[in-house]
Protein backbone atom coordinates (compact mmCIF):
# COMPACT_ATOMS: atom_id res chain seq x y z
CA MET A 1 102.62 85.87 102.52
CA ASN A 2 99.24 84.27 102.63
CA VAL A 3 96.69 86.93 102.30
CA ASP A 4 92.84 86.26 102.11
CA LEU A 5 91.69 89.29 100.05
CA GLU A 6 90.24 89.18 96.19
CA TRP A 7 91.93 92.52 95.57
CA VAL A 8 94.05 95.43 97.10
CA GLY A 9 94.34 98.82 95.84
CA VAL A 10 96.56 101.89 97.33
CA LEU A 11 95.36 105.69 96.42
CA ARG A 12 98.28 107.63 97.22
CA HIS A 13 97.09 110.79 98.64
CA GLY A 14 96.62 114.29 96.65
CA GLN A 15 99.27 116.58 96.39
CA SER A 16 99.84 118.15 99.87
CA THR A 17 101.04 121.36 100.49
CA GLY A 18 104.24 119.34 101.61
CA ASN A 19 104.83 118.56 98.47
CA VAL A 20 105.22 121.71 96.83
CA ALA A 21 107.07 122.73 99.50
CA ARG A 22 109.90 120.08 99.27
CA GLU A 23 109.73 120.75 95.48
CA GLU A 24 110.21 124.28 95.70
CA ALA A 25 113.14 123.84 98.42
CA GLU A 26 114.38 121.29 96.15
CA SER A 27 114.40 123.42 92.93
CA ALA A 28 116.13 126.04 94.91
CA GLY A 29 118.74 123.93 96.66
CA ALA A 30 117.92 124.81 100.38
CA ASP A 31 118.98 122.34 103.38
CA VAL A 32 115.29 122.96 104.71
CA ILE A 33 112.20 122.07 103.57
CA ASP A 34 110.08 124.87 104.75
CA ILE A 35 106.86 122.91 106.22
CA ALA A 36 105.39 124.65 109.40
CA GLU A 37 103.02 121.84 110.26
CA ARG A 38 104.60 118.35 111.99
CA ASP A 39 103.94 115.37 109.10
CA ALA A 40 100.84 113.96 110.37
CA ASP A 41 99.03 117.57 109.97
CA VAL A 42 100.18 118.47 106.64
CA PRO A 43 97.07 119.16 104.52
CA LEU A 44 95.52 118.96 100.65
CA THR A 45 96.13 121.67 98.26
CA ASP A 46 92.93 122.59 96.43
CA LEU A 47 94.67 120.49 93.66
CA GLY A 48 95.24 117.99 95.56
CA ARG A 49 91.34 117.98 97.23
CA GLU A 50 90.17 117.84 93.03
CA GLN A 51 92.81 114.99 92.38
CA ALA A 52 91.00 113.23 95.87
CA GLU A 53 87.64 113.73 94.09
CA ALA A 54 88.67 112.30 90.66
CA ALA A 55 89.95 109.25 92.24
CA GLY A 56 86.25 108.98 93.37
CA LYS A 57 84.76 108.99 90.35
CA PHE A 58 87.08 106.60 89.35
CA LEU A 59 86.10 104.36 92.11
CA ALA A 60 82.26 104.89 92.16
CA ASP A 61 82.38 102.37 89.19
CA ARG A 62 84.84 99.68 91.51
CA PRO A 63 83.58 100.21 94.79
CA PRO A 64 85.95 98.55 97.32
CA ASP A 65 84.42 96.78 100.51
CA VAL A 66 86.45 99.29 103.02
CA VAL A 67 89.08 102.15 102.87
CA ILE A 68 91.67 101.32 105.11
CA THR A 69 93.59 105.06 105.78
CA SER A 70 96.79 106.16 107.21
CA THR A 71 95.88 108.51 109.95
CA TYR A 72 97.93 111.41 108.23
CA ARG A 73 95.73 114.34 107.35
CA ARG A 74 96.75 114.17 103.72
CA ALA A 75 95.53 110.58 103.12
CA TRP A 76 92.62 110.94 105.64
CA ASP A 77 91.13 113.54 103.34
CA THR A 78 91.59 111.77 100.26
CA ALA A 79 90.12 108.58 101.57
CA ARG A 80 86.84 111.16 102.51
CA LEU A 81 86.63 112.80 99.08
CA ALA A 82 87.39 109.62 97.11
CA ALA A 83 85.30 107.16 98.77
CA PRO A 84 82.09 105.82 97.48
CA GLU A 85 78.91 106.80 99.43
CA GLY A 86 78.39 104.37 102.34
CA VAL A 87 81.66 102.41 101.85
CA PRO A 88 83.38 102.27 105.56
CA ILE A 89 86.38 104.37 106.29
CA VAL A 90 88.49 103.00 108.99
CA PRO A 91 91.75 104.73 110.02
CA ASP A 92 94.94 102.58 111.17
CA GLU A 93 98.37 104.23 112.35
CA ARG A 94 100.12 101.49 110.62
CA LEU A 95 99.42 102.96 107.07
CA ARG A 96 101.46 106.39 108.25
CA ASP A 97 104.13 107.46 105.90
CA ARG A 98 107.62 106.42 106.78
CA GLU A 99 109.30 108.10 109.43
CA LEU A 100 112.74 110.18 108.40
CA GLY A 101 113.69 110.85 111.98
CA VAL A 102 116.91 113.25 111.58
CA LEU A 103 116.69 113.75 107.91
CA ASP A 104 112.98 115.23 108.26
CA LEU A 105 112.37 118.39 106.89
CA LEU A 106 115.79 118.27 104.89
CA THR A 107 116.41 118.11 101.21
CA SER A 108 118.51 115.96 99.21
CA HIS A 109 121.19 118.72 99.62
CA GLY A 110 120.70 119.19 103.36
CA VAL A 111 121.13 115.60 103.94
CA ASN A 112 124.58 115.82 101.80
CA GLU A 113 125.59 118.76 103.80
CA ARG A 114 124.41 117.95 107.47
CA TRP A 115 124.88 113.86 107.49
CA PRO A 116 127.45 112.56 105.59
CA ASP A 117 128.40 110.42 107.75
CA GLU A 118 124.86 108.69 107.24
CA LEU A 119 125.02 108.74 103.75
CA ARG A 120 127.94 106.84 103.82
CA ARG A 121 126.20 104.10 106.36
CA LYS A 122 123.17 104.29 104.37
CA ARG A 123 125.47 103.21 101.14
CA ARG A 124 127.00 99.95 103.14
CA LEU A 125 123.75 99.09 104.65
CA GLY A 126 121.82 99.72 101.41
CA LYS A 127 118.41 101.67 101.39
CA PHE A 128 115.95 98.59 102.23
CA TYR A 129 117.64 98.41 106.07
CA TYR A 130 119.31 101.50 106.53
CA ARG A 131 117.43 103.47 109.38
CA PRO A 132 117.88 106.88 109.85
CA PRO A 133 118.38 108.00 113.98
CA GLY A 134 114.99 108.33 115.24
CA GLY A 135 113.54 107.06 111.48
CA GLU A 136 112.29 103.87 110.16
CA SER A 137 113.82 101.52 107.44
CA TRP A 138 112.06 100.37 104.13
CA ALA A 139 112.11 97.22 106.28
CA ASP A 140 110.54 98.58 109.12
CA VAL A 141 107.12 99.87 107.07
CA VAL A 142 106.97 96.57 105.82
CA LEU A 143 106.77 94.87 109.09
CA ARG A 144 103.70 97.15 110.01
CA LEU A 145 102.45 96.64 106.72
CA ARG A 146 102.68 92.75 107.23
CA SER A 147 100.93 93.31 110.57
CA LEU A 148 98.31 95.36 108.67
CA LEU A 149 97.51 92.80 105.94
CA THR A 150 97.29 89.93 108.21
CA GLU A 151 94.42 91.24 110.37
CA LEU A 152 92.61 92.39 107.24
CA SER A 153 92.64 88.72 105.80
CA VAL A 154 91.13 88.23 108.77
CA GLU A 155 88.43 90.78 109.38
CA HIS A 156 87.34 91.12 105.33
CA ALA A 157 88.54 87.92 104.00
CA GLY A 158 87.64 87.59 100.32
CA LYS A 159 87.10 91.33 100.11
CA ARG A 160 88.03 94.19 98.37
CA VAL A 161 90.27 96.64 100.26
CA LEU A 162 91.52 99.95 99.47
CA LEU A 163 94.48 101.40 101.22
CA ALA A 164 94.50 105.67 101.27
CA ALA A 165 98.11 106.20 102.43
CA HIS A 166 101.63 107.17 100.71
CA GLU A 167 103.92 106.63 98.16
CA MET A 168 106.03 104.60 100.34
CA THR A 169 102.94 101.88 100.61
CA VAL A 170 103.12 101.01 96.96
CA PHE A 171 106.22 99.84 97.49
CA ALA A 172 105.88 97.78 100.45
CA LEU A 173 102.91 95.71 99.13
CA ARG A 174 105.15 94.96 95.81
CA TYR A 175 107.49 93.52 98.46
CA LEU A 176 104.72 91.77 100.05
CA LEU A 177 102.45 90.85 97.70
CA GLU A 178 104.06 89.61 94.86
CA GLY A 179 107.16 88.66 96.41
CA LEU A 180 109.86 90.63 95.13
CA PRO A 181 113.01 90.26 96.31
CA GLU A 182 115.22 93.16 97.86
CA PRO A 183 117.24 93.82 94.81
CA ASP A 184 114.32 94.23 92.10
CA LEU A 185 112.23 95.91 94.64
CA LEU A 186 114.62 98.49 94.43
CA ARG A 187 115.28 98.80 91.03
CA ALA A 188 111.19 98.75 90.54
CA ALA A 189 111.02 101.64 93.07
CA ASP A 190 114.29 103.33 91.39
CA ALA A 191 112.33 103.36 87.64
CA THR A 192 108.60 103.96 89.22
CA GLU A 193 106.93 107.60 89.95
CA VAL A 194 103.99 107.32 92.23
CA PRO A 195 101.86 110.26 91.14
CA ASN A 196 99.35 111.94 93.72
CA GLY A 197 95.88 110.52 93.34
CA SER A 198 97.11 107.80 91.00
CA VAL A 199 95.51 103.99 91.79
CA THR A 200 97.96 101.13 92.27
CA SER A 201 96.12 97.72 92.57
CA TRP A 202 96.65 94.16 92.87
CA GLU A 203 93.70 90.59 92.14
CA ARG A 204 94.16 87.78 94.14
CA ASP A 205 95.16 84.53 91.68
CA SER A 206 93.97 81.00 91.83
CA ASP A 207 96.87 80.05 93.48
CA GLY A 208 96.75 82.38 96.17
CA GLY A 209 99.22 84.88 94.99
CA PHE A 210 99.15 88.77 93.40
CA THR A 211 99.38 90.01 90.13
CA MET A 212 99.58 93.64 89.97
CA VAL A 213 96.30 94.70 87.73
CA LEU A 214 96.50 98.56 87.34
CA ALA A 215 100.03 100.25 88.14
CA GLN A 216 99.71 103.72 89.23
CA GLU A 217 96.52 104.58 86.96
CA VAL A 218 96.10 108.22 86.30
CA GLY A 219 93.54 108.01 83.68
CA HIS A 220 90.78 109.27 85.83
CA LEU A 221 92.68 112.19 86.40
CA ARG A 222 93.44 112.72 83.06
CA ALA A 223 89.84 112.11 82.23
CA THR A 224 88.68 114.95 84.92
CA ASP A 225 90.82 117.39 83.36
CA THR A 226 92.81 116.98 86.65
CA PRO A 227 96.68 117.66 86.55
CA PRO A 228 98.97 114.93 87.83
CA THR A 229 101.72 115.45 90.30
CA ALA A 230 104.45 113.26 90.73
CA ASP A 231 106.56 114.91 93.83
CA ASP A 232 107.89 111.91 95.49
CA ASP A 233 107.66 111.64 99.14
CA ALA A 234 110.03 111.96 101.57
CA ALA A 235 110.43 108.19 102.55
CA HIS A 236 111.55 107.53 98.92
CA GLN A 237 113.13 110.89 97.64
CA LEU A 238 115.79 110.71 100.92
CA SER A 239 116.56 106.86 100.82
């Protein structure tokens, strides 16, 4: 697609209490992830805040012109901790995490036990187009990000834009900015971890396309002795 931006970056939110709860539930073989809040309200852990602050030191040397953030608390708080002073932060609900519908709060084991028919339907449709009841497919996320990029190209033409968002955002942008076809995208996603607090970015080429210049960069975390964490968001893990 035609995107009139100089640079697009994604800062994945810092570690959240939901990431920790999901990892614990998966390790224990439980069906359900013990998270009291709705997904939009899950906060950062102390380590997650440290990861966001470390990202801020990284961004201070290469500041974006604007930060667009998911409206989910873990991403918004990451944006506030990481954005260089004076850089505006704009929330946009189109950057929210993928909605899982009936699969929300279920572990991989829980999905297998409670929704075997959905797993069979996913295998038939493929995970790019599979939409769980009440939830979204990968294609749905791509559609809302396509809309967002179109607006940003008008409102911030030629600028550097950072998105504070979720793991799924990185894969959706590879599809939109790099033009990866579905099979290549899914192979790349299966082989890629997007650590909490990592930065992935693309620069615009002379022909109007985009090239990835940072791939899930975590050097800023190691430079500040901040441990990276790589628990998958549910949007990727259960798809």
